[in-house]
PDB file of N, CA and C in Angstrom:
ATOM      1  N   MET A   1     -80.475  32.027  12.400  1.00  0.00           N
ATOM      2  CA  MET A   1     -80.280  31.396  10.740  1.00  0.00           C
ATOM      3  C   MET A   1     -79.207  30.328  10.567  1.00  0.00           C
ATOM      4  N   ALA A   2     -79.214  29.399  10.044  1.00  0.00           N
ATOM      5  CA  ALA A   2     -78.092  28.589   9.705  1.00  0.00           C
ATOM      6  C   ALA A   2     -77.035  28.827   8.594  1.00  0.00           C
ATOM      7  N   PRO A   3     -76.096  29.022   8.566  1.00  0.00           N
ATOM      8  CA  PRO A   3     -74.780  29.350   7.455  1.00  0.00           C
ATOM      9  C   PRO A   3     -74.879  28.889   6.318  1.00  0.00           C
ATOM     10  N   ALA A   4     -75.135  29.665   5.576  1.00  0.00           N
ATOM     11  CA  ALA A   4     -74.913  28.720   3.784  1.00  0.00           C
ATOM     12  C   ALA A   4     -73.909  27.524   4.023  1.00  0.00           C
ATOM     13  N   GLU A   5     -74.570  26.453   3.215  1.00  0.00           N
ATOM     14  CA  GLU A   5     -73.565  25.061   2.986  1.00  0.00           C
ATOM     15  C   GLU A   5     -72.290  26.031   2.167  1.00  0.00           C
ATOM     16  N   PRO A   6     -71.207  25.746   2.390  1.00  0.00           N
ATOM     17  CA  PRO A   6     -70.138  25.679   1.276  1.00  0.00           C
ATOM     18  C   PRO A   6     -70.404  25.097  -0.295  1.00  0.00           C
ATOM     19  N   PRO A   7     -70.349  25.893  -0.940  1.00  0.00           N
ATOM     20  CA  PRO A   7     -70.354  25.395  -2.720  1.00  0.00           C
ATOM     21  C   PRO A   7     -69.201  24.084  -2.698  1.00  0.00           C
ATOM     22  N   GLU A   8     -69.833  23.214  -3.610  1.00  0.00           N
ATOM     23  CA  GLU A   8     -69.219  21.883  -3.893  1.00  0.00           C
ATOM     24  C   GLU A   8     -67.974  22.547  -4.750  1.00  0.00           C
ATOM     25  N   PRO A   9     -67.152  21.576  -4.438  1.00  0.00           N
ATOM     26  CA  PRO A   9     -65.684  21.513  -5.414  1.00  0.00           C
ATOM     27  C   PRO A   9     -65.771  22.036  -6.826  1.00  0.00           C
ATOM     28  N   GLU A  10     -66.765  21.674  -7.470  1.00  0.00           N
ATOM     29  CA  GLU A  10     -66.744  21.985  -8.844  1.00  0.00           C
ATOM     30  C   GLU A  10     -67.213  23.404  -9.180  1.00  0.00           C
ATOM     31  N   ASP A  11     -68.017  23.916  -7.762  1.00  0.00           N
ATOM     32  CA  ASP A  11     -68.414  25.357  -8.303  1.00  0.00           C
ATOM     33  C   ASP A  11     -67.512  26.382  -7.822  1.00  0.00           C
ATOM     34  N   LEU A  12     -66.861  25.832  -7.876  1.00  0.00           N
ATOM     35  CA  LEU A  12     -65.729  27.216  -7.595  1.00  0.00           C
ATOM     36  C   LEU A  12     -64.946  28.507  -8.568  1.00  0.00           C
ATOM     37  N   GLY A  13     -65.965  28.128  -9.983  1.00  0.00           N
ATOM     38  CA  GLY A  13     -65.557  28.845 -10.901  1.00  0.00           C
ATOM     39  C   GLY A  13     -66.017  30.557 -10.566  1.00  0.00           C
ATOM     40  N   GLY A  14     -65.046  31.146 -11.028  1.00  0.00           N
ATOM     41  CA  GLY A  14     -65.004  32.642 -10.647  1.00  0.00           C
ATOM     42  C   GLY A  14     -64.304  32.897  -9.463  1.00  0.00           C
ATOM     43  N   TYR A  15     -63.846  31.682  -8.365  1.00  0.00           N
ATOM     44  CA  TYR A  15     -62.911  32.605  -7.468  1.00  0.00           C
ATOM     45  C   TYR A  15     -61.741  33.065  -7.964  1.00  0.00           C
ATOM     46  N   VAL A  16     -61.008  33.584  -6.962  1.00  0.00           N
ATOM     47  CA  VAL A  16     -59.452  34.482  -7.206  1.00  0.00           C
ATOM     48  C   VAL A  16     -58.803  33.667  -6.959  1.00  0.00           C
ATOM     49  N   VAL A  17     -57.759  33.243  -7.332  1.00  0.00           N
ATOM     50  CA  VAL A  17     -56.399  32.039  -7.122  1.00  0.00           C
ATOM     51  C   VAL A  17     -55.159  32.654  -6.916  1.00  0.00           C
ATOM     52  N   HIS A  18     -54.625  32.428  -5.361  1.00  0.00           N
ATOM     53  CA  HIS A  18     -53.728  33.069  -4.874  1.00  0.00           C
ATOM     54  C   HIS A  18     -52.517  32.272  -4.993  1.00  0.00           C
ATOM     55  N   ALA A  19     -51.293  32.430  -5.342  1.00  0.00           N
ATOM     56  CA  ALA A  19     -50.145  31.417  -5.381  1.00  0.00           C
ATOM     57  C   ALA A  19     -49.488  32.166  -4.199  1.00  0.00           C
ATOM     58  N   THR A  20     -48.416  31.611  -3.452  1.00  0.00           N
ATOM     59  CA  THR A  20     -47.870  31.957  -2.500  1.00  0.00           C
ATOM     60  C   THR A  20     -47.487  33.367  -2.805  1.00  0.00           C
ATOM     61  N   ASP A  21     -47.202  33.838  -3.429  1.00  0.00           N
ATOM     62  CA  ASP A  21     -46.603  35.337  -3.965  1.00  0.00           C
ATOM     63  C   ASP A  21     -47.632  36.309  -4.417  1.00  0.00           C
ATOM     64  N   GLY A  22     -48.732  36.021  -4.449  1.00  0.00           N
ATOM     65  CA  GLY A  22     -49.564  36.939  -5.160  1.00  0.00           C
ATOM     66  C   GLY A  22     -50.220  36.094  -6.205  1.00  0.00           C
ATOM     67  N   ASP A  23     -51.986  37.019  -6.444  1.00  0.00           N
ATOM     68  CA  ASP A  23     -52.714  36.759  -7.520  1.00  0.00           C
ATOM     69  C   ASP A  23     -52.379  36.090  -8.683  1.00  0.00           C
ATOM     70  N   VAL A  24     -52.725  34.977  -8.987  1.00  0.00           N
ATOM     71  CA  VAL A  24     -52.301  34.479 -10.722  1.00  0.00           C
ATOM     72  C   VAL A  24     -53.978  34.501 -11.585  1.00  0.00           C
ATOM     73  N   GLY A  25     -54.980  34.830 -11.212  1.00  0.00           N
ATOM     74  CA  GLY A  25     -55.813  34.559 -12.025  1.00  0.00           C
ATOM     75  C   GLY A  25     -57.037  33.923 -11.357  1.00  0.00           C
ATOM     76  N   LYS A  26     -57.970  33.611 -11.731  1.00  0.00           N
ATOM     77  CA  LYS A  26     -59.687  33.009 -11.407  1.00  0.00           C
ATOM     78  C   LYS A  26     -59.768  31.726 -11.846  1.00  0.00           C
ATOM     79  N   VAL A  27     -60.743  31.046 -11.015  1.00  0.00           N
ATOM     80  CA  VAL A  27     -60.817  29.895 -11.381  1.00  0.00           C
ATOM     81  C   VAL A  27     -61.709  29.809 -12.984  1.00  0.00           C
ATOM     82  N   GLY A  28     -61.609  29.044 -13.967  1.00  0.00           N
ATOM     83  CA  GLY A  28     -62.539  28.949 -14.976  1.00  0.00           C
ATOM     84  C   GLY A  28     -63.976  28.858 -14.959  1.00  0.00           C
ATOM     85  N   GLN A  29     -64.868  29.511 -15.354  1.00  0.00           N
ATOM     86  CA  GLN A  29     -66.363  29.177 -15.378  1.00  0.00           C
ATOM     87  C   GLN A  29     -66.725  27.737 -16.006  1.00  0.00           C
ATOM     88  N   ASP A  30     -65.758  26.734 -16.459  1.00  0.00           N
ATOM     89  CA  ASP A  30     -66.093  25.671 -17.141  1.00  0.00           C
ATOM     90  C   ASP A  30     -64.891  24.583 -16.442  1.00  0.00           C
ATOM     91  N   ASP A  31     -64.686  25.094 -15.450  1.00  0.00           N
ATOM     92  CA  ASP A  31     -63.988  23.870 -14.339  1.00  0.00           C
ATOM     93  C   ASP A  31     -64.531  22.919 -14.311  1.00  0.00           C
ATOM     94  N   ARG A  32     -65.641  22.719 -14.211  1.00  0.00           N
ATOM     95  CA  ARG A  32     -66.269  21.062 -13.822  1.00  0.00           C
ATOM     96  C   ARG A  32     -66.623  20.250 -14.788  1.00  0.00           C
ATOM     97  N   SER A  33     -65.529  20.505 -16.095  1.00  0.00           N
ATOM     98  CA  SER A  33     -65.372  19.627 -17.043  1.00  0.00           C
ATOM     99  C   SER A  33     -63.816  18.738 -16.872  1.00  0.00           C
ATOM    100  N   THR A  34     -63.093  19.462 -16.032  1.00  0.00           N
ATOM    101  CA  THR A  34     -61.724  18.408 -14.937  1.00  0.00           C
ATOM    102  C   THR A  34     -62.052  18.025 -14.668  1.00  0.00           C
ATOM    103  N   GLY A  35     -62.766  17.897 -14.143  1.00  0.00           N
ATOM    104  CA  GLY A  35     -63.004  16.789 -12.511  1.00  0.00           C
ATOM    105  C   GLY A  35     -62.506  17.293 -11.634  1.00  0.00           C
ATOM    106  N   ASP A  36     -62.834  16.133 -10.250  1.00  0.00           N
ATOM    107  CA  ASP A  36     -62.217  16.768  -9.223  1.00  0.00           C
ATOM    108  C   ASP A  36     -60.605  16.921  -8.381  1.00  0.00           C
ATOM    109  N   ARG A  37     -60.235  16.655  -9.452  1.00  0.00           N
ATOM    110  CA  ARG A  37     -58.567  16.410  -9.189  1.00  0.00           C
ATOM    111  C   ARG A  37     -57.875  17.646  -9.869  1.00  0.00           C
ATOM    112  N   TYR A  38     -58.057  18.544 -10.658  1.00  0.00           N
ATOM    113  CA  TYR A  38     -57.517  19.390 -11.349  1.00  0.00           C
ATOM    114  C   TYR A  38     -58.731  20.751 -11.031  1.00  0.00           C
ATOM    115  N   LEU A  39     -57.616  21.996 -11.608  1.00  0.00           N
ATOM    116  CA  LEU A  39     -58.210  23.458 -11.354  1.00  0.00           C
ATOM    117  C   LEU A  39     -57.840  23.785 -12.393  1.00  0.00           C
ATOM    118  N   LEU A  40     -58.686  24.388 -13.298  1.00  0.00           N
ATOM    119  CA  LEU A  40     -58.448  25.476 -14.277  1.00  0.00           C
ATOM    120  C   LEU A  40     -58.338  26.456 -13.909  1.00  0.00           C
ATOM    121  N   ILE A  41     -57.191  27.121 -14.571  1.00  0.00           N
ATOM    122  CA  ILE A  41     -57.503  28.918 -13.611  1.00  0.00           C
ATOM    123  C   ILE A  41     -57.114  29.742 -15.267  1.00  0.00           C
ATOM    124  N   ALA A  42     -57.891  30.607 -14.989  1.00  0.00           N
ATOM    125  CA  ALA A  42     -57.952  31.309 -16.517  1.00  0.00           C
ATOM    126  C   ALA A  42     -56.923  32.600 -15.785  1.00  0.00           C
ATOM    127  N   THR A  43     -55.480  32.941 -16.031  1.00  0.00           N
ATOM    128  CA  THR A  43     -54.959  33.928 -15.904  1.00  0.00           C
ATOM    129  C   THR A  43     -54.852  35.224 -16.229  1.00  0.00           C
ATOM    130  N   GLY A  44     -56.158  35.350 -17.172  1.00  0.00           N
ATOM    131  CA  GLY A  44     -56.197  36.806 -17.619  1.00  0.00           C
ATOM    132  C   GLY A  44     -55.309  37.646 -18.125  1.00  0.00           C
ATOM    133  N   PRO A  45     -55.184  38.941 -18.067  1.00  0.00           N
ATOM    134  CA  PRO A  45     -53.913  39.962 -18.762  1.00  0.00           C
ATOM    135  C   PRO A  45     -52.479  39.293 -17.979  1.00  0.00           C
ATOM    136  N   TRP A  46     -52.406  39.039 -16.812  1.00  0.00           N
ATOM    137  CA  TRP A  46     -51.564  38.566 -16.196  1.00  0.00           C
ATOM    138  C   TRP A  46     -50.051  37.952 -17.115  1.00  0.00           C
ATOM    139  N   ILE A  47     -50.771  36.966 -17.816  1.00  0.00           N
ATOM    140  CA  ILE A  47     -49.503  35.984 -18.499  1.00  0.00           C
ATOM    141  C   ILE A  47     -50.410  35.852 -19.726  1.00  0.00           C
ATOM    142  N   PHE A  48     -50.931  36.934 -20.351  1.00  0.00           N
ATOM    143  CA  PHE A  48     -51.440  36.978 -21.852  1.00  0.00           C
ATOM    144  C   PHE A  48     -52.421  35.888 -21.506  1.00  0.00           C
ATOM    145  N   GLY A  49     -53.571  35.786 -20.725  1.00  0.00           N
ATOM    146  CA  GLY A  49     -54.609  35.573 -21.028  1.00  0.00           C
ATOM    147  C   GLY A  49     -54.714  33.828 -20.837  1.00  0.00           C
ATOM    148  N   ARG A  50     -53.491  32.796 -20.608  1.00  0.00           N
ATOM    149  CA  ARG A  50     -53.345  31.484 -20.753  1.00  0.00           C
ATOM    150  C   ARG A  50     -54.150  30.940 -19.476  1.00  0.00           C
ATOM    151  N   THR A  51     -54.421  30.009 -20.429  1.00  0.00           N
ATOM    152  CA  THR A  51     -55.552  29.048 -19.261  1.00  0.00           C
ATOM    153  C   THR A  51     -54.298  27.950 -18.581  1.00  0.00           C
ATOM    154  N   VAL A  52     -54.582  27.446 -17.405  1.00  0.00           N
ATOM    155  CA  VAL A  52     -53.005  26.471 -17.496  1.00  0.00           C
ATOM    156  C   VAL A  52     -55.103  25.660 -15.937  1.00  0.00           C
ATOM    157  N   LEU A  53     -53.932  24.402 -16.107  1.00  0.00           N
ATOM    158  CA  LEU A  53     -54.798  23.542 -14.887  1.00  0.00           C
ATOM    159  C   LEU A  53     -53.585  22.919 -14.073  1.00  0.00           C
ATOM    160  N   VAL A  54     -53.927  23.091 -13.076  1.00  0.00           N
ATOM    161  CA  VAL A  54     -53.222  22.658 -11.770  1.00  0.00           C
ATOM    162  C   VAL A  54     -53.771  21.528 -11.157  1.00  0.00           C
ATOM    163  N   PRO A  55     -52.873  20.288 -10.768  1.00  0.00           N
ATOM    164  CA  PRO A  55     -53.735  19.624  -9.617  1.00  0.00           C
ATOM    165  C   PRO A  55     -54.466  19.977  -8.716  1.00  0.00           C
ATOM    166  N   ALA A  56     -55.093  19.421  -8.162  1.00  0.00           N
ATOM    167  CA  ALA A  56     -55.637  19.446  -6.848  1.00  0.00           C
ATOM    168  C   ALA A  56     -54.868  19.565  -5.235  1.00  0.00           C
ATOM    169  N   THR A  57     -54.065  18.782  -5.659  1.00  0.00           N
ATOM    170  CA  THR A  57     -52.432  18.569  -4.635  1.00  0.00           C
ATOM    171  C   THR A  57     -52.012  20.125  -4.550  1.00  0.00           C
ATOM    172  N   VAL A  58     -52.210  20.577  -5.410  1.00  0.00           N
ATOM    173  CA  VAL A  58     -51.416  21.797  -5.143  1.00  0.00           C
ATOM    174  C   VAL A  58     -51.897  23.458  -4.489  1.00  0.00           C
ATOM    175  N   ILE A  59     -53.497  22.558  -4.017  1.00  0.00           N
ATOM    176  CA  ILE A  59     -54.500  23.591  -3.772  1.00  0.00           C
ATOM    177  C   ILE A  59     -54.049  23.346  -2.188  1.00  0.00           C
ATOM    178  N   ASP A  60     -53.920  24.895  -1.413  1.00  0.00           N
ATOM    179  CA  ASP A  60     -53.528  24.663   0.042  1.00  0.00           C
ATOM    180  C   ASP A  60     -55.028  25.126   0.900  1.00  0.00           C
ATOM    181  N   HIS A  61     -55.987  25.335   0.348  1.00  0.00           N
ATOM    182  CA  HIS A  61     -57.209  26.108   1.280  1.00  0.00           C
ATOM    183  C   HIS A  61     -57.753  26.490   0.247  1.00  0.00           C
ATOM    184  N   VAL A  62     -58.930  26.714   0.477  1.00  0.00           N
ATOM    185  CA  VAL A  62     -60.232  27.007  -0.154  1.00  0.00           C
ATOM    186  C   VAL A  62     -60.742  28.103   0.957  1.00  0.00           C
ATOM    187  N   ASP A  63     -61.144  29.487   0.610  1.00  0.00           N
ATOM    188  CA  ASP A  63     -61.819  30.300   1.285  1.00  0.00           C
ATOM    189  C   ASP A  63     -63.297  30.815   0.619  1.00  0.00           C
ATOM    190  N   HIS A  64     -64.243  29.957   1.145  1.00  0.00           N
ATOM    191  CA  HIS A  64     -65.999  30.590   0.630  1.00  0.00           C
ATOM    192  C   HIS A  64     -66.285  31.445   0.521  1.00  0.00           C
ATOM    193  N   ARG A  65     -65.937  32.114   2.046  1.00  0.00           N
ATOM    194  CA  ARG A  65     -66.359  33.304   2.267  1.00  0.00           C
ATOM    195  C   ARG A  65     -65.913  34.734   1.239  1.00  0.00           C
ATOM    196  N   SER A  66     -64.705  34.138   1.081  1.00  0.00           N
ATOM    197  CA  SER A  66     -64.015  35.774   0.315  1.00  0.00           C
ATOM    198  C   SER A  66     -63.481  35.126  -1.387  1.00  0.00           C
ATOM    199  N   GLN A  67     -64.155  33.696  -1.321  1.00  0.00           N
ATOM    200  CA  GLN A  67     -64.253  33.324  -2.543  1.00  0.00           C
ATOM    201  C   GLN A  67     -62.805  33.447  -3.400  1.00  0.00           C
ATOM    202  N   ALA A  68     -61.649  32.419  -2.639  1.00  0.00           N
ATOM    203  CA  ALA A  68     -60.644  32.417  -3.206  1.00  0.00           C
ATOM    204  C   ALA A  68     -60.132  31.342  -2.730  1.00  0.00           C
ATOM    205  N   VAL A  69     -58.872  30.852  -4.035  1.00  0.00           N
ATOM    206  CA  VAL A  69     -58.258  29.704  -3.564  1.00  0.00           C
ATOM    207  C   VAL A  69     -56.940  29.824  -3.603  1.00  0.00           C
ATOM    208  N   TYR A  70     -56.266  29.133  -2.475  1.00  0.00           N
ATOM    209  CA  TYR A  70     -54.902  29.663  -1.909  1.00  0.00           C
ATOM    210  C   TYR A  70     -53.808  28.326  -2.560  1.00  0.00           C
ATOM    211  N   LEU A  71     -53.055  28.703  -3.285  1.00  0.00           N
ATOM    212  CA  LEU A  71     -52.437  27.614  -3.681  1.00  0.00           C
ATOM    213  C   LEU A  71     -50.785  27.563  -2.944  1.00  0.00           C
ATOM    214  N   ARG A  72     -50.461  26.587  -3.410  1.00  0.00           N
ATOM    215  CA  ARG A  72     -49.079  25.961  -2.729  1.00  0.00           C
ATOM    216  C   ARG A  72     -47.541  26.307  -3.404  1.00  0.00           C
ATOM    217  N   CYS A  73     -47.923  27.022  -4.581  1.00  0.00           N
ATOM    218  CA  CYS A  73     -46.906  27.349  -5.429  1.00  0.00           C
ATOM    219  C   CYS A  73     -46.617  28.846  -5.846  1.00  0.00           C
ATOM    220  N   THR A  74     -45.941  29.202  -6.383  1.00  0.00           N
ATOM    221  CA  THR A  74     -45.573  30.472  -6.820  1.00  0.00           C
ATOM    222  C   THR A  74     -46.237  31.138  -8.049  1.00  0.00           C
ATOM    223  N   ARG A  75     -45.756  32.201  -8.333  1.00  0.00           N
ATOM    224  CA  ARG A  75     -46.686  33.035  -9.508  1.00  0.00           C
ATOM    225  C   ARG A  75     -45.738  32.440 -10.743  1.00  0.00           C
ATOM    226  N   ASP A  76     -44.464  32.374 -10.347  1.00  0.00           N
ATOM    227  CA  ASP A  76     -43.625  31.460 -11.668  1.00  0.00           C
ATOM    228  C   ASP A  76     -43.907  30.265 -11.949  1.00  0.00           C
ATOM    229  N   ALA A  77     -44.095  29.276 -11.002  1.00  0.00           N
ATOM    230  CA  ALA A  77     -44.459  28.073 -11.104  1.00  0.00           C
ATOM    231  C   ALA A  77     -45.821  27.917 -11.927  1.00  0.00           C
ATOM    232  N   ILE A  78     -46.850  28.935 -11.904  1.00  0.00           N
ATOM    233  CA  ILE A  78     -47.944  29.145 -12.675  1.00  0.00           C
ATOM    234  C   ILE A  78     -47.869  29.318 -14.075  1.00  0.00           C
ATOM    235  N   ARG A  79     -47.140  30.533 -14.314  1.00  0.00           N
ATOM    236  CA  ARG A  79     -46.450  31.165 -15.229  1.00  0.00           C
ATOM    237  C   ARG A  79     -45.698  30.425 -16.177  1.00  0.00           C
ATOM    238  N   ASP A  80     -44.946  29.655 -15.622  1.00  0.00           N
ATOM    239  CA  ASP A  80     -44.028  28.713 -16.482  1.00  0.00           C
ATOM    240  C   ASP A  80     -44.568  27.059 -16.542  1.00  0.00           C
ATOM    241  N   ALA A  81     -45.806  26.808 -15.670  1.00  0.00           N
ATOM    242  CA  ALA A  81     -46.743  25.509 -16.479  1.00  0.00           C
ATOM    243  C   ALA A  81     -46.982  25.362 -17.717  1.00  0.00           C
ATOM    244  N   PRO A  82     -47.186  24.095 -18.228  1.00  0.00           N
ATOM    245  CA  PRO A  82     -47.487  23.619 -19.733  1.00  0.00           C
ATOM    246  C   PRO A  82     -48.891  24.300 -19.721  1.00  0.00           C
ATOM    247  N   GLU A  83     -49.389  25.282 -20.998  1.00  0.00           N
ATOM    248  CA  GLU A  83     -50.818  25.342 -21.100  1.00  0.00           C
ATOM    249  C   GLU A  83     -51.693  24.274 -21.177  1.00  0.00           C
ATOM    250  N   TYR A  84     -52.971  24.591 -20.932  1.00  0.00           N
ATOM    251  CA  TYR A  84     -53.860  23.668 -20.843  1.00  0.00           C
ATOM    252  C   TYR A  84     -54.036  23.379 -22.166  1.00  0.00           C
ATOM    253  N   ARG A  85     -54.228  21.690 -21.966  1.00  0.00           N
ATOM    254  CA  ARG A  85     -54.728  20.919 -23.475  1.00  0.00           C
ATOM    255  C   ARG A  85     -55.281  19.738 -22.837  1.00  0.00           C
ATOM    256  N   GLU A  86     -56.753  19.219 -23.449  1.00  0.00           N
ATOM    257  CA  GLU A  86     -57.226  18.522 -23.272  1.00  0.00           C
ATOM    258  C   GLU A  86     -56.878  16.885 -23.439  1.00  0.00           C
ATOM    259  N   ASP A  87     -56.226  16.777 -23.211  1.00  0.00           N
ATOM    260  CA  ASP A  87     -56.035  15.308 -23.184  1.00  0.00           C
ATOM    261  C   ASP A  87     -55.140  14.515 -21.967  1.00  0.00           C
ATOM    262  N   ARG A  88     -55.087  13.480 -22.044  1.00  0.00           N
ATOM    263  CA  ARG A  88     -54.490  12.778 -20.829  1.00  0.00           C
ATOM    264  C   ARG A  88     -52.976  13.142 -20.596  1.00  0.00           C
ATOM    265  N   SER A  89     -52.321  12.975 -21.803  1.00  0.00           N
ATOM    266  CA  SER A  89     -51.086  12.847 -21.811  1.00  0.00           C
ATOM    267  C   SER A  89     -50.541  14.578 -21.282  1.00  0.00           C
ATOM    268  N   HIS A  90     -51.440  15.487 -20.864  1.00  0.00           N
ATOM    269  CA  HIS A  90     -51.217  16.936 -20.470  1.00  0.00           C
ATOM    270  C   HIS A  90     -51.514  16.696 -18.821  1.00  0.00           C
ATOM    271  N   ARG A  91     -52.357  15.622 -18.808  1.00  0.00           N
ATOM    272  CA  ARG A  91     -52.335  16.189 -17.170  1.00  0.00           C
ATOM    273  C   ARG A  91     -51.366  15.218 -16.653  1.00  0.00           C
ATOM    274  N   ASP A  92     -50.436  14.122 -17.610  1.00  0.00           N
ATOM    275  CA  ASP A  92     -49.583  13.428 -16.900  1.00  0.00           C
ATOM    276  C   ASP A  92     -48.212  14.636 -16.854  1.00  0.00           C
ATOM    277  N   GLU A  93     -47.894  15.402 -17.905  1.00  0.00           N
ATOM    278  CA  GLU A  93     -46.890  16.534 -18.104  1.00  0.00           C
ATOM    279  C   GLU A  93     -47.511  17.384 -16.187  1.00  0.00           C
ATOM    280  N   LEU A  94     -48.604  17.876 -16.067  1.00  0.00           N
ATOM    281  CA  LEU A  94     -48.829  18.074 -14.866  1.00  0.00           C
ATOM    282  C   LEU A  94     -48.439  17.530 -13.408  1.00  0.00           C
ATOM    283  N   ASP A  95     -48.520  16.322 -13.807  1.00  0.00           N
ATOM    284  CA  ASP A  95     -48.510  15.767 -12.527  1.00  0.00           C
ATOM    285  C   ASP A  95     -46.810  15.888 -12.419  1.00  0.00           C
ATOM    286  N   VAL A  96     -46.245  15.504 -13.563  1.00  0.00           N
ATOM    287  CA  VAL A  96     -44.551  15.387 -13.095  1.00  0.00           C
ATOM    288  C   VAL A  96     -44.184  17.314 -12.915  1.00  0.00           C
ATOM    289  N   TRP A  97     -44.484  17.875 -13.400  1.00  0.00           N
ATOM    290  CA  TRP A  97     -44.425  19.457 -13.437  1.00  0.00           C
ATOM    291  C   TRP A  97     -44.464  19.804 -11.699  1.00  0.00           C
ATOM    292  N   TYR A  98     -45.714  19.779 -11.577  1.00  0.00           N
ATOM    293  CA  TYR A  98     -46.219  19.873  -9.495  1.00  0.00           C
ATOM    294  C   TYR A  98     -45.445  18.829  -9.077  1.00  0.00           C
ATOM    295  N   GLY A  99     -45.483  17.739  -9.436  1.00  0.00           N
ATOM    296  CA  GLY A  99     -45.042  16.579  -8.544  1.00  0.00           C
ATOM    297  C   GLY A  99     -45.559  16.599  -7.317  1.00  0.00           C
ATOM    298  N   LYS A 100     -45.640  15.170  -7.196  1.00  0.00           N
ATOM    299  CA  LYS A 100     -46.811  14.163  -6.349  1.00  0.00           C
ATOM    300  C   LYS A 100     -46.208  14.069  -5.071  1.00  0.00           C
ATOM    301  N   PRO A 101     -46.590  14.239  -4.091  1.00  0.00           N
ATOM    302  CA  PRO A 101     -47.883  13.876  -3.982  1.00  0.00           C
ATOM    303  C   PRO A 101     -48.839  15.871  -3.432  1.00  0.00           C
ATOM    304  N   LEU A 102     -47.419  16.587  -2.850  1.00  0.00           N
ATOM    305  CA  LEU A 102     -48.213  17.953  -2.548  1.00  0.00           C
ATOM    306  C   LEU A 102     -47.503  18.967  -3.107  1.00  0.00           C
ATOM    307  N   GLY A 103     -47.181  18.719  -4.754  1.00  0.00           N
ATOM    308  CA  GLY A 103     -47.236  19.682  -5.295  1.00  0.00           C
ATOM    309  C   GLY A 103     -45.416  20.211  -5.223  1.00  0.00           C
ATOM    310  N   LEU A 104     -45.108  19.994  -4.403  1.00  0.00           N
ATOM    311  CA  LEU A 104     -43.656  20.344  -4.031  1.00  0.00           C
ATOM    312  C   LEU A 104     -42.285  20.303  -5.079  1.00  0.00           C
ATOM    313  N   GLY A 105     -42.648  18.977  -6.299  1.00  0.00           N
ATOM    314  CA  GLY A 105     -41.467  18.535  -7.325  1.00  0.00           C
ATOM    315  C   GLY A 105     -41.517  18.979  -8.526  1.00  0.00           C
ATOM    316  N   GLY A 106     -40.792  18.592  -9.541  1.00  0.00           N
ATOM    317  CA  GLY A 106     -41.132  18.701 -10.783  1.00  0.00           C
ATOM    318  C   GLY A 106     -40.665  20.360 -11.153  1.00  0.00           C
ATOM    319  N   GLY A 107     -41.164  20.967 -11.931  1.00  0.00           N
ATOM    320  CA  GLY A 107     -40.551  22.155 -11.814  1.00  0.00           C
ATOM    321  C   GLY A 107     -41.113  23.507 -11.281  1.00  0.00           C
ATOM    322  N   ALA A 108     -41.961  23.269 -10.020  1.00  0.00           N
ATOM    323  CA  ALA A 108     -42.384  24.251  -9.891  1.00  0.00           C
ATOM    324  C   ALA A 108     -41.568  24.398  -8.360  1.00  0.00           C
ATOM    325  N   PRO A 109     -41.227  25.699  -8.021  1.00  0.00           N
ATOM    326  CA  PRO A 109     -40.346  25.971  -7.031  1.00  0.00           C
ATOM    327  C   PRO A 109     -41.052  25.821  -5.753  1.00  0.00           C
TER     328      PRO A 109
END
């Protein structure tokens, strides 16, 4: 039997999200609306139910078998990131926060 095809990037809704130092939430079910350059994370009760948007450049890797996304930033970077807004200026702000191109600059540790 052939292995199942991994989901497309837009099908990551519900995957658990891990920062370099622990869990930060799950990929939002409505993540498709953000396009393939960003990941919408629902943090749940960890930081008062905030929703944050992270650029795809911050993703280290995706493990489809365990349905997990691993980021190249800390929990503090996610906690302190600007809260999600649906406007272009927000995405520009995120690019500065996480830095380009590898998510290593800006406010992210």
